[in-house]
């Protein structure tokens, strides 16, 4: 409980009057004794009223607060939290309310001021935007009640327990279901290249059409029907995609508000959503993290929820990436051929990567998806005018050249490599997958 501005103003005014009257007495100025008595009486009356007001404030019942919030939030997206305030006050009362928001959640419109009306339940809201993923617990709300005479303000901490999880930015994934898939992919900037071959999975027999290849003719069916019959194929739908996700220190670089690790998670979930819609099985392995995660490749729309629950609280660490250990773990778990998407941030010192990828390539199709810092491209394109700028430019160019040499060594051994900035990472990853899917090279 603390004094209000009203009480402090009255107290200061009476104290100043007392000081002035005392000073005049010290200067032997004639002052009516009744004036001094009135001032002292007012001061004592103010103190008595303040004590009575404090007692009445303590007896006021606390309001009842119920928090209404979603069970999950998307990283970086604003969400609304609703508070329902019920009370037993006989008169209107204006209160200040502050919700104790956990660290890692930015908020707007707090504290809130609401006027409580007798017999009514008040509804107020504020906005939240998660700045990191994970599990968050809300424990209490703080309410500041004014005393009946307005001399005090009492703070009440009310236990209002709720929990929520912050997932990667999955809102755009589910938003895509509201539109046609092709239109949605085009809006994301994903290009589906023209199909260069035929799928490998038999679909049906049909009449031979102009433009069909002679290799599509089914001669037995043609002999039975006495008319040319062609075989129609479709893209194979029983394939597996496994994300091998680097959780080490190389993924801690930031582009904007998100780290490379968060950009990588968003891209993996985006590709996972597309692959599941295509009928493929999607799984996940992590390495260089505190607790390695493993999600077995499974088909079906429910697998996306499994992936979200598996990665929503993952964080990058300060550990170096051990590609050889990651390859050994994956080979021990996954015997059937799959597309392995190794998501990392390649550096010039990652010489062990080639050996690990060559081991994986014996049994799987491997794609090395490497994120590139946007700051590097910015530095390379910035005009150089001073010595520090020249040193920064030369260092950046030297680093990018060494990184390009590593990519060339991987390409020379038949390893597919992507080197993409974080903003275009998800679209580029899906484009490569669809390209391979259409050309039946997975």
Protein backbone atom coordinates (compact mmCIF):
# COMPACT_ATOMS: atom_id res chain seq x y z
CA UNK A 1 0.00 0.00 0.00
CA UNK A 2 1.33 3.44 -0.90
CA UNK A 3 0.01 7.00 -0.53
CA UNK A 4 -1.79 8.53 -3.46
CA UNK A 5 -0.98 11.87 -5.01
CA UNK A 6 -4.05 13.39 -3.35
CA UNK A 7 -2.81 12.49 0.14
CA UNK A 8 0.70 13.75 -0.60
CA UNK A 9 -0.62 17.06 -1.93
CA UNK A 10 -2.79 17.67 1.16
CA UNK A 11 -0.01 16.62 3.49
CA UNK A 12 2.54 18.83 1.76
CA UNK A 13 0.16 21.79 1.80
CA UNK A 14 -0.51 21.53 5.53
CA UNK A 15 3.18 20.99 6.31
CA UNK A 16 4.12 24.07 4.28
CA UNK A 17 1.50 26.12 6.13
CA UNK A 18 2.89 24.86 9.44
CA UNK A 19 6.41 25.82 8.41
CA UNK A 20 5.30 29.27 7.32
CA UNK A 21 3.40 29.85 10.59
CA UNK A 22 6.40 28.64 12.59
CA UNK A 23 8.72 30.97 10.69
CA UNK A 24 6.41 33.91 11.34
CA UNK A 25 6.33 33.06 15.04
CA UNK A 26 10.13 32.93 15.09
CA UNK A 27 10.19 36.41 13.58
CA UNK A 28 7.86 37.56 16.39
CA UNK A 29 5.06 38.36 13.98
CA UNK A 30 1.60 38.59 15.47
CA UNK A 31 -0.36 35.51 14.35
CA UNK A 32 -3.79 34.56 15.68
CA UNK A 33 -3.44 31.48 17.85
CA UNK A 34 -6.65 30.13 16.35
CA UNK A 35 -4.94 29.93 12.93
CA UNK A 36 -2.23 27.69 14.33
CA UNK A 37 -4.82 25.57 16.10
CA UNK A 38 -6.85 25.20 12.91
CA UNK A 39 -3.78 24.12 10.97
CA UNK A 40 -2.86 21.53 13.58
CA UNK A 41 -6.45 20.31 13.66
CA UNK A 42 -6.52 19.92 9.90
CA UNK A 43 -3.26 18.01 10.00
CA UNK A 44 -4.54 15.64 12.70
CA UNK A 45 -7.84 15.23 10.84
CA UNK A 46 -5.99 14.38 7.65
CA UNK A 47 -3.91 11.77 9.44
CA UNK A 48 -7.02 10.28 11.05
CA UNK A 49 -8.85 10.12 7.73
CA UNK A 50 -5.80 8.54 6.13
CA UNK A 51 -5.71 5.82 8.80
CA UNK A 52 -9.44 5.14 8.43
CA UNK A 53 -9.09 5.08 4.64
CA UNK A 54 -6.20 2.62 4.87
CA UNK A 55 -8.26 0.30 7.08
CA UNK A 56 -11.18 0.44 4.63
CA UNK A 57 -8.83 -0.30 1.74
CA UNK A 58 -7.50 -3.41 3.46
CA UNK A 59 -11.05 -4.65 3.92
CA UNK A 60 -11.93 -4.28 0.25
CA UNK A 61 -12.31 -7.68 -1.42
CA UNK A 62 -9.90 -8.46 -4.25
CA UNK A 63 -11.37 -8.71 -7.74
CA UNK A 64 -11.40 -12.08 -9.50
CA UNK A 65 -9.43 -12.28 -12.74
CA UNK A 66 -9.62 -14.93 -15.41
CA UNK A 67 -7.13 -14.93 -18.25
CA UNK A 68 -8.22 -16.15 -21.67
CA UNK A 69 -5.29 -16.94 -23.96
CA UNK A 70 -4.50 -19.37 -26.77
CA UNK A 71 -2.70 -22.57 -25.91
CA UNK A 72 -0.05 -21.78 -28.52
CA UNK A 73 1.46 -18.66 -30.06
CA UNK A 74 3.55 -18.16 -33.19
CA UNK A 75 7.04 -16.73 -32.91
CA UNK A 76 7.19 -13.07 -33.93
CA UNK A 77 3.43 -12.69 -34.43
CA UNK A 78 1.12 -10.56 -32.31
CA UNK A 79 -1.59 -12.33 -30.33
CA UNK A 80 -4.36 -11.00 -28.10
CA UNK A 81 -4.80 -11.88 -24.43
CA UNK A 82 -8.20 -11.26 -22.85
CA UNK A 83 -8.74 -10.63 -19.14
CA UNK A 84 -12.12 -11.06 -17.46
CA UNK A 85 -12.48 -9.08 -14.22
CA UNK A 86 -15.31 -9.87 -11.77
CA UNK A 87 -15.81 -8.08 -8.44
CA UNK A 88 -18.13 -7.49 -5.50
CA UNK A 89 -17.81 -3.71 -5.13
CA UNK A 90 -20.97 -1.80 -4.30
CA UNK A 91 -19.81 1.38 -6.08
CA UNK A 92 -17.96 2.08 -9.33
CA UNK A 93 -14.21 1.75 -8.92
CA UNK A 94 -11.39 2.54 -11.33
CA UNK A 95 -8.45 0.14 -10.97
CA UNK A 96 -5.07 -0.32 -12.66
CA UNK A 97 -4.16 -3.83 -13.75
CA UNK A 98 -0.81 -5.24 -14.84
CA UNK A 99 -0.33 -8.81 -16.02
CA UNK A 100 3.04 -10.31 -15.10
CA UNK A 101 4.29 -11.38 -18.53
CA UNK A 102 7.22 -13.86 -18.62
CA UNK A 103 10.54 -12.88 -20.16
CA UNK A 104 10.68 -13.59 -23.87
CA UNK A 105 7.24 -12.09 -24.59
CA UNK A 106 6.92 -8.48 -25.70
CA UNK A 107 3.66 -6.73 -24.84
CA UNK A 108 1.58 -3.66 -25.64
CA UNK A 109 -1.16 -1.75 -23.77
CA UNK A 110 0.00 -2.66 -20.25
CA UNK A 111 -0.76 -1.55 -17.57
CA UNK A 112 -4.50 -1.38 -18.17
CA UNK A 113 -7.02 0.96 -16.55
CA UNK A 114 -10.58 -0.30 -16.20
CA UNK A 115 -13.63 1.13 -14.45
CA UNK A 116 -15.51 -1.62 -12.63
CA UNK A 117 -19.28 -1.23 -12.48
CA UNK A 118 -21.38 -2.92 -9.77
CA UNK A 119 -23.00 -6.10 -10.99
CA UNK A 120 -21.01 -6.22 -14.22
CA UNK A 121 -18.05 -8.30 -15.41
CA UNK A 122 -15.44 -6.22 -17.24
CA UNK A 123 -13.48 -7.46 -20.26
CA UNK A 124 -10.12 -5.96 -21.26
CA UNK A 125 -7.27 -7.11 -23.47
CA UNK A 126 -3.66 -6.49 -24.39
CA UNK A 127 -1.28 -7.77 -27.07
CA UNK A 128 1.66 -10.19 -26.90
CA UNK A 129 4.44 -10.92 -29.38
CA UNK A 130 6.82 -13.81 -28.60
CA UNK A 131 10.49 -13.08 -29.19
CA UNK A 132 11.67 -16.63 -28.52
CA UNK A 133 10.21 -20.12 -28.63
CA UNK A 134 9.49 -22.42 -25.73
CA UNK A 135 7.10 -23.04 -22.84
CA UNK A 136 5.87 -20.03 -20.86
CA UNK A 137 3.99 -19.89 -17.56
CA UNK A 138 1.87 -16.96 -16.37
CA UNK A 139 1.65 -16.96 -12.57
CA UNK A 140 -0.05 -13.80 -11.35
CA UNK A 141 -1.72 -10.48 -12.11
CA UNK A 142 -1.17 -7.25 -10.22
CA UNK A 143 -4.14 -5.02 -9.35
CA UNK A 144 -3.83 -1.54 -7.83
CA UNK A 145 -7.00 -0.67 -5.88
CA UNK A 146 -7.73 2.95 -4.87
CA UNK A 147 -9.00 3.51 -1.32
CA UNK A 148 -12.58 4.78 -0.84
CA UNK A 149 -11.36 8.33 -0.07
CA UNK A 150 -8.58 8.18 -2.64
CA UNK A 151 -5.72 8.61 -0.11
CA UNK A 152 -4.06 5.24 -0.76
CA UNK A 153 -3.38 2.76 -3.51
CA UNK A 154 -3.18 -0.90 -2.55
CA UNK A 155 -1.33 -3.49 -4.64
CA UNK A 156 -2.86 -6.97 -4.76
CA UNK A 157 -1.03 -9.90 -6.35
CA UNK A 158 -3.60 -12.40 -7.59
CA UNK A 159 -2.64 -15.92 -8.54
CA UNK A 160 -3.83 -16.44 -12.11
CA UNK A 161 -1.96 -19.44 -13.53
CA UNK A 162 -1.93 -20.15 -17.26
CA UNK A 163 0.49 -21.74 -19.66
CA UNK A 164 1.21 -21.40 -23.35
CA UNK A 165 3.73 -22.64 -25.88
CA UNK A 166 5.47 -20.57 -28.51
CA UNK A 167 6.00 -22.46 -31.75
CA UNK A 168 7.91 -21.51 -34.89
CA UNK A 169 5.97 -19.29 -37.28
CA UNK A 170 3.44 -21.93 -38.30
CA UNK A 171 0.65 -19.43 -38.97
CA UNK A 172 1.62 -19.11 -42.61
CA UNK A 173 1.64 -22.92 -42.92
CA UNK A 174 -1.95 -23.33 -41.81
CA UNK A 175 -2.96 -20.17 -43.63
CA UNK A 176 -1.89 -21.87 -46.85
CA UNK A 177 -4.62 -24.46 -46.44
CA UNK A 178 -7.20 -21.76 -47.09
CA UNK A 179 -5.92 -21.23 -50.61
CA UNK A 180 -5.14 -23.45 -53.54
CA UNK A 181 -1.69 -24.97 -53.09
CA UNK A 182 -0.32 -23.69 -56.39
CA UNK A 183 -1.49 -20.15 -55.69
CA UNK A 184 -0.06 -20.30 -52.18
CA UNK A 185 3.34 -21.47 -53.41
CA UNK A 186 3.47 -18.72 -56.02
CA UNK A 187 2.70 -16.11 -53.36
CA UNK A 188 5.66 -17.40 -51.35
CA UNK A 189 7.90 -16.93 -54.36
CA UNK A 190 8.29 -20.67 -55.00
CA UNK A 191 8.69 -21.63 -58.64
CA UNK A 192 7.62 -25.02 -59.92
CA UNK A 193 9.79 -25.82 -62.89
CA UNK A 194 8.51 -27.63 -65.90
CA UNK A 195 8.63 -31.37 -65.53
CA UNK A 196 11.53 -32.90 -67.45
CA UNK A 197 10.59 -36.57 -67.16
CA UNK A 198 7.99 -39.03 -66.04
CA UNK A 199 7.16 -40.14 -62.55
CA UNK A 200 8.16 -43.62 -61.49
CA UNK A 201 4.91 -44.82 -59.88
CA UNK A 202 2.27 -46.44 -62.11
CA UNK A 203 -1.08 -44.65 -61.98
CA UNK A 204 -3.44 -46.00 -64.66
CA UNK A 205 -3.94 -47.14 -68.24
CA UNK A 206 -5.56 -44.82 -70.74
CA UNK A 207 -5.88 -44.27 -74.48
CA UNK A 208 -2.78 -43.19 -76.32
CA UNK A 209 -2.77 -39.42 -76.91
CA UNK A 210 -0.86 -37.16 -79.24
CA UNK A 211 2.39 -36.17 -77.61
CA UNK A 212 2.78 -39.38 -75.59
CA UNK A 213 6.07 -41.24 -75.87
CA UNK A 214 6.15 -44.61 -77.59
CA UNK A 215 7.77 -45.97 -74.43
CA UNK A 216 4.47 -45.38 -72.62
CA UNK A 217 2.57 -47.87 -74.84
CA UNK A 218 1.46 -51.02 -73.04
CA UNK A 219 1.64 -53.55 -75.88
CA UNK A 220 -0.32 -56.29 -74.09
CA UNK A 221 -3.21 -53.95 -73.34
CA UNK A 222 -2.99 -52.58 -76.88
CA UNK A 223 -3.31 -56.09 -78.32
CA UNK A 224 -6.34 -56.83 -76.14
CA UNK A 225 -8.14 -53.57 -76.87
CA UNK A 226 -7.02 -53.36 -80.52
CA UNK A 227 -6.25 -49.67 -79.97
CA UNK A 228 -3.10 -47.97 -78.64
CA UNK A 229 -3.11 -47.97 -74.80
CA UNK A 230 -0.57 -45.93 -72.84
CA UNK A 231 0.61 -46.24 -69.29
CA UNK A 232 0.26 -43.13 -67.14
CA UNK A 233 2.70 -42.55 -64.31
CA UNK A 234 2.69 -40.13 -61.42
CA UNK A 235 5.28 -38.85 -59.01
CA UNK A 236 6.25 -41.40 -56.41
CA UNK A 237 4.42 -40.61 -53.17
CA UNK A 238 6.07 -43.02 -50.77
CA UNK A 239 9.35 -41.20 -50.26
CA UNK A 240 11.07 -40.06 -47.08
CA UNK A 241 12.53 -36.70 -46.15
CA UNK A 242 14.71 -36.35 -43.06
CA UNK A 243 15.91 -32.99 -41.78
CA UNK A 244 19.36 -33.13 -40.19
CA UNK A 245 19.29 -29.88 -38.25
CA UNK A 246 22.39 -28.19 -36.87
CA UNK A 247 21.76 -26.76 -33.37
CA UNK A 248 25.34 -25.58 -32.82
CA UNK A 249 27.01 -22.22 -32.56
CA UNK A 250 27.08 -21.67 -36.31
CA UNK A 251 23.31 -21.18 -36.27
CA UNK A 252 23.36 -18.35 -33.71
CA UNK A 253 23.91 -15.61 -36.29
CA UNK A 254 20.98 -13.21 -36.55
CA UNK A 255 19.29 -11.62 -39.54
CA UNK A 256 16.70 -9.17 -38.26
CA UNK A 257 14.78 -10.35 -35.21
CA UNK A 258 15.31 -14.06 -35.87
CA UNK A 259 18.43 -16.16 -35.58
CA UNK A 260 19.54 -18.46 -38.37
CA UNK A 261 18.29 -21.31 -36.22
CA UNK A 262 14.75 -19.89 -36.22
CA UNK A 263 14.90 -19.24 -39.97
CA UNK A 264 16.02 -22.85 -40.43
CA UNK A 265 13.16 -24.19 -38.30
CA UNK A 266 10.61 -22.17 -40.28
CA UNK A 267 12.04 -23.44 -43.56
CA UNK A 268 12.05 -27.07 -42.38
CA UNK A 269 8.43 -26.86 -41.25
CA UNK A 270 7.44 -25.21 -44.52
CA UNK A 271 9.07 -27.97 -46.58
CA UNK A 272 7.67 -30.58 -44.20
CA UNK A 273 4.17 -29.26 -44.77
CA UNK A 274 4.62 -29.37 -48.57
CA UNK A 275 6.13 -32.86 -48.48
CA UNK A 276 3.34 -34.22 -46.31
CA UNK A 277 0.80 -32.78 -48.73
CA UNK A 278 2.67 -34.61 -51.50
CA UNK A 279 2.25 -37.91 -49.66
CA UNK A 280 5.85 -38.24 -48.44
CA UNK A 281 7.01 -39.16 -44.95
CA UNK A 282 8.87 -36.48 -42.99
CA UNK A 283 11.24 -36.93 -40.04
CA UNK A 284 13.81 -34.93 -38.08
CA UNK A 285 17.19 -35.42 -36.42
CA UNK A 286 19.11 -32.73 -34.54
CA UNK A 287 22.76 -32.57 -33.53
CA UNK A 288 25.11 -30.28 -31.56
CA UNK A 289 22.26 -29.43 -29.16
CA UNK A 290 21.75 -29.99 -25.46
CA UNK A 291 19.19 -32.72 -26.04
CA UNK A 292 19.26 -34.29 -29.52
CA UNK A 293 15.76 -34.84 -30.90
CA UNK A 294 14.64 -37.62 -33.19
CA UNK A 295 11.31 -37.82 -35.01
CA UNK A 296 10.72 -40.95 -37.05
CA UNK A 297 9.61 -40.29 -40.67
CA UNK A 298 5.82 -40.69 -40.87
CA UNK A 299 3.23 -39.72 -43.46
CA UNK A 300 -0.02 -37.87 -42.81
CA UNK A 301 -1.16 -34.41 -41.79
CA UNK A 302 -0.78 -35.21 -38.09
CA UNK A 303 2.98 -35.45 -38.50
CA UNK A 304 3.26 -31.67 -38.74
CA UNK A 305 1.94 -31.35 -35.18
CA UNK A 306 4.47 -33.94 -34.07
CA UNK A 307 7.27 -31.90 -35.64
CA UNK A 308 6.01 -28.68 -34.06
CA UNK A 309 5.88 -30.23 -30.60
CA UNK A 310 9.36 -31.70 -31.06
CA UNK A 311 11.08 -28.43 -32.00
CA UNK A 312 9.07 -25.66 -30.31
CA UNK A 313 11.52 -25.42 -27.38
CA UNK A 314 14.75 -26.18 -29.23
CA UNK A 315 17.55 -23.67 -28.79
CA UNK A 316 20.95 -23.32 -30.42
CA UNK A 317 24.03 -23.89 -28.28
CA UNK A 318 27.69 -22.87 -28.19
CA UNK A 319 28.83 -26.34 -29.27
CA UNK A 320 30.63 -26.90 -32.57
CA UNK A 321 28.87 -29.00 -35.19
CA UNK A 322 30.10 -32.61 -35.27
CA UNK A 323 28.98 -33.76 -38.70
CA UNK A 324 30.61 -37.18 -38.43
CA UNK A 325 28.72 -38.01 -35.24
CA UNK A 326 25.47 -36.74 -36.77
CA UNK A 327 26.00 -38.94 -39.84
CA UNK A 328 26.70 -42.00 -37.69
CA UNK A 329 23.52 -41.50 -35.65
CA UNK A 330 21.38 -41.04 -38.74
CA UNK A 331 22.84 -44.08 -40.51
CA UNK A 332 22.18 -46.20 -37.41
CA UNK A 333 18.54 -45.11 -37.27
CA UNK A 334 17.60 -44.81 -40.93
CA UNK A 335 18.28 -47.77 -43.21
CA UNK A 336 15.75 -47.03 -45.94
CA UNK A 337 16.80 -44.59 -48.64
CA UNK A 338 15.65 -41.01 -48.00
CA UNK A 339 16.32 -37.42 -48.93
CA UNK A 340 18.51 -36.05 -46.13
CA UNK A 341 18.40 -32.25 -45.89
CA UNK A 342 21.39 -31.12 -43.84
CA UNK A 343 20.52 -27.61 -42.61
CA UNK A 344 23.52 -25.65 -41.33
CA UNK A 345 25.63 -22.55 -41.82
CA UNK A 346 28.78 -23.63 -43.58
CA UNK A 347 32.05 -22.00 -42.57
CA UNK A 348 35.44 -22.21 -44.19
CA UNK A 349 36.73 -24.49 -41.42
CA UNK A 350 34.13 -27.24 -41.95
CA UNK A 351 36.47 -29.70 -43.65
CA UNK A 352 34.98 -32.73 -41.87
CA UNK A 353 31.65 -32.12 -43.58
CA UNK A 354 32.74 -33.71 -46.85
CA UNK A 355 33.56 -37.06 -45.24
CA UNK A 356 30.25 -37.12 -43.37
CA UNK A 357 28.22 -36.28 -46.47
CA UNK A 358 30.04 -38.93 -48.53
CA UNK A 359 29.09 -41.54 -45.92
CA UNK A 360 25.47 -40.45 -46.02
CA UNK A 361 25.41 -40.38 -49.82
CA UNK A 362 26.11 -44.12 -50.00
CA UNK A 363 22.58 -44.85 -48.72
CA UNK A 364 20.70 -41.54 -49.13
CA UNK A 365 20.24 -38.55 -51.40
CA UNK A 366 21.83 -35.61 -49.57
CA UNK A 367 21.15 -31.89 -49.88
CA UNK A 368 23.38 -29.50 -47.93
CA UNK A 369 21.28 -26.38 -47.26
CA UNK A 370 23.51 -23.59 -45.97
CA UNK A 371 22.29 -20.21 -44.72
CA UNK A 372 24.30 -17.10 -45.54
CA UNK A 373 24.37 -13.95 -43.42
CA UNK A 374 22.73 -11.01 -45.15
CA UNK A 375 25.29 -8.73 -43.49
CA UNK A 376 27.99 -10.30 -45.68
CA UNK A 377 26.21 -9.31 -48.90
CA UNK A 378 25.59 -5.84 -47.49
CA UNK A 379 29.27 -5.35 -46.63
CA UNK A 380 30.36 -6.61 -50.03
CA UNK A 381 28.11 -4.09 -51.80
CA UNK A 382 28.94 -1.11 -49.57
CA UNK A 383 31.17 1.62 -51.00
CA UNK A 384 34.61 1.72 -49.35
CA UNK A 385 35.81 5.14 -48.21
CA UNK A 386 37.86 4.62 -45.06
CA UNK A 387 40.56 2.22 -43.89
CA UNK A 388 38.26 0.33 -41.45
CA UNK A 389 35.70 -0.07 -44.24
CA UNK A 390 38.42 -1.37 -46.56
CA UNK A 391 39.58 -3.91 -43.96
CA UNK A 392 36.00 -5.06 -43.39
CA UNK A 393 35.42 -5.36 -47.13
CA UNK A 394 38.58 -7.38 -47.71
CA UNK A 395 37.82 -9.69 -44.80
CA UNK A 396 34.30 -10.27 -46.07
CA UNK A 397 35.41 -11.04 -49.61
CA UNK A 398 38.13 -13.38 -48.36
CA UNK A 399 35.66 -15.23 -46.15
CA UNK A 400 33.09 -15.56 -48.95
CA UNK A 401 35.75 -16.85 -51.35
CA UNK A 402 36.84 -19.54 -48.89
CA UNK A 403 33.23 -20.49 -48.33
CA UNK A 404 32.67 -20.71 -52.09
CA UNK A 405 35.70 -23.01 -52.38
CA UNK A 406 34.15 -25.34 -49.83
CA UNK A 407 30.93 -25.41 -51.83
CA UNK A 408 32.89 -26.18 -54.99
CA UNK A 409 34.66 -29.09 -53.29
CA UNK A 410 31.30 -30.52 -52.24
CA UNK A 411 29.88 -30.07 -55.75
CA UNK A 412 32.94 -31.76 -57.23
CA UNK A 413 32.10 -34.88 -55.21
CA UNK A 414 28.50 -34.87 -56.42
CA UNK A 415 26.99 -33.23 -53.33
CA UNK A 416 24.09 -30.85 -53.93
CA UNK A 417 24.63 -27.54 -52.08
CA UNK A 418 22.35 -24.57 -51.50
CA UNK A 419 23.82 -21.25 -50.37
CA UNK A 420 20.90 -18.92 -49.65
CA UNK A 421 20.21 -15.89 -47.50
CA UNK A 422 17.88 -16.49 -44.60
CA UNK A 423 14.99 -14.42 -46.02
CA UNK A 424 14.80 -16.64 -49.15
CA UNK A 425 15.76 -19.89 -47.44
CA UNK A 426 12.32 -21.46 -47.11
CA UNK A 427 11.20 -20.71 -50.67
CA UNK A 428 14.50 -21.90 -52.15
CA UNK A 429 14.36 -25.14 -50.17
CA UNK A 430 10.83 -25.94 -51.35
CA UNK A 431 11.74 -25.04 -54.94
CA UNK A 432 14.64 -27.52 -54.90
CA UNK A 433 12.41 -30.24 -53.44
CA UNK A 434 9.66 -29.72 -56.03
CA UNK A 435 12.22 -29.66 -58.81
CA UNK A 436 13.64 -33.01 -57.74
CA UNK A 437 10.16 -34.37 -57.13
CA UNK A 438 8.98 -33.51 -60.64
CA UNK A 439 12.12 -34.85 -62.28
CA UNK A 440 11.93 -38.10 -60.25
CA UNK A 441 15.48 -37.68 -58.93
CA UNK A 442 14.74 -38.07 -55.20
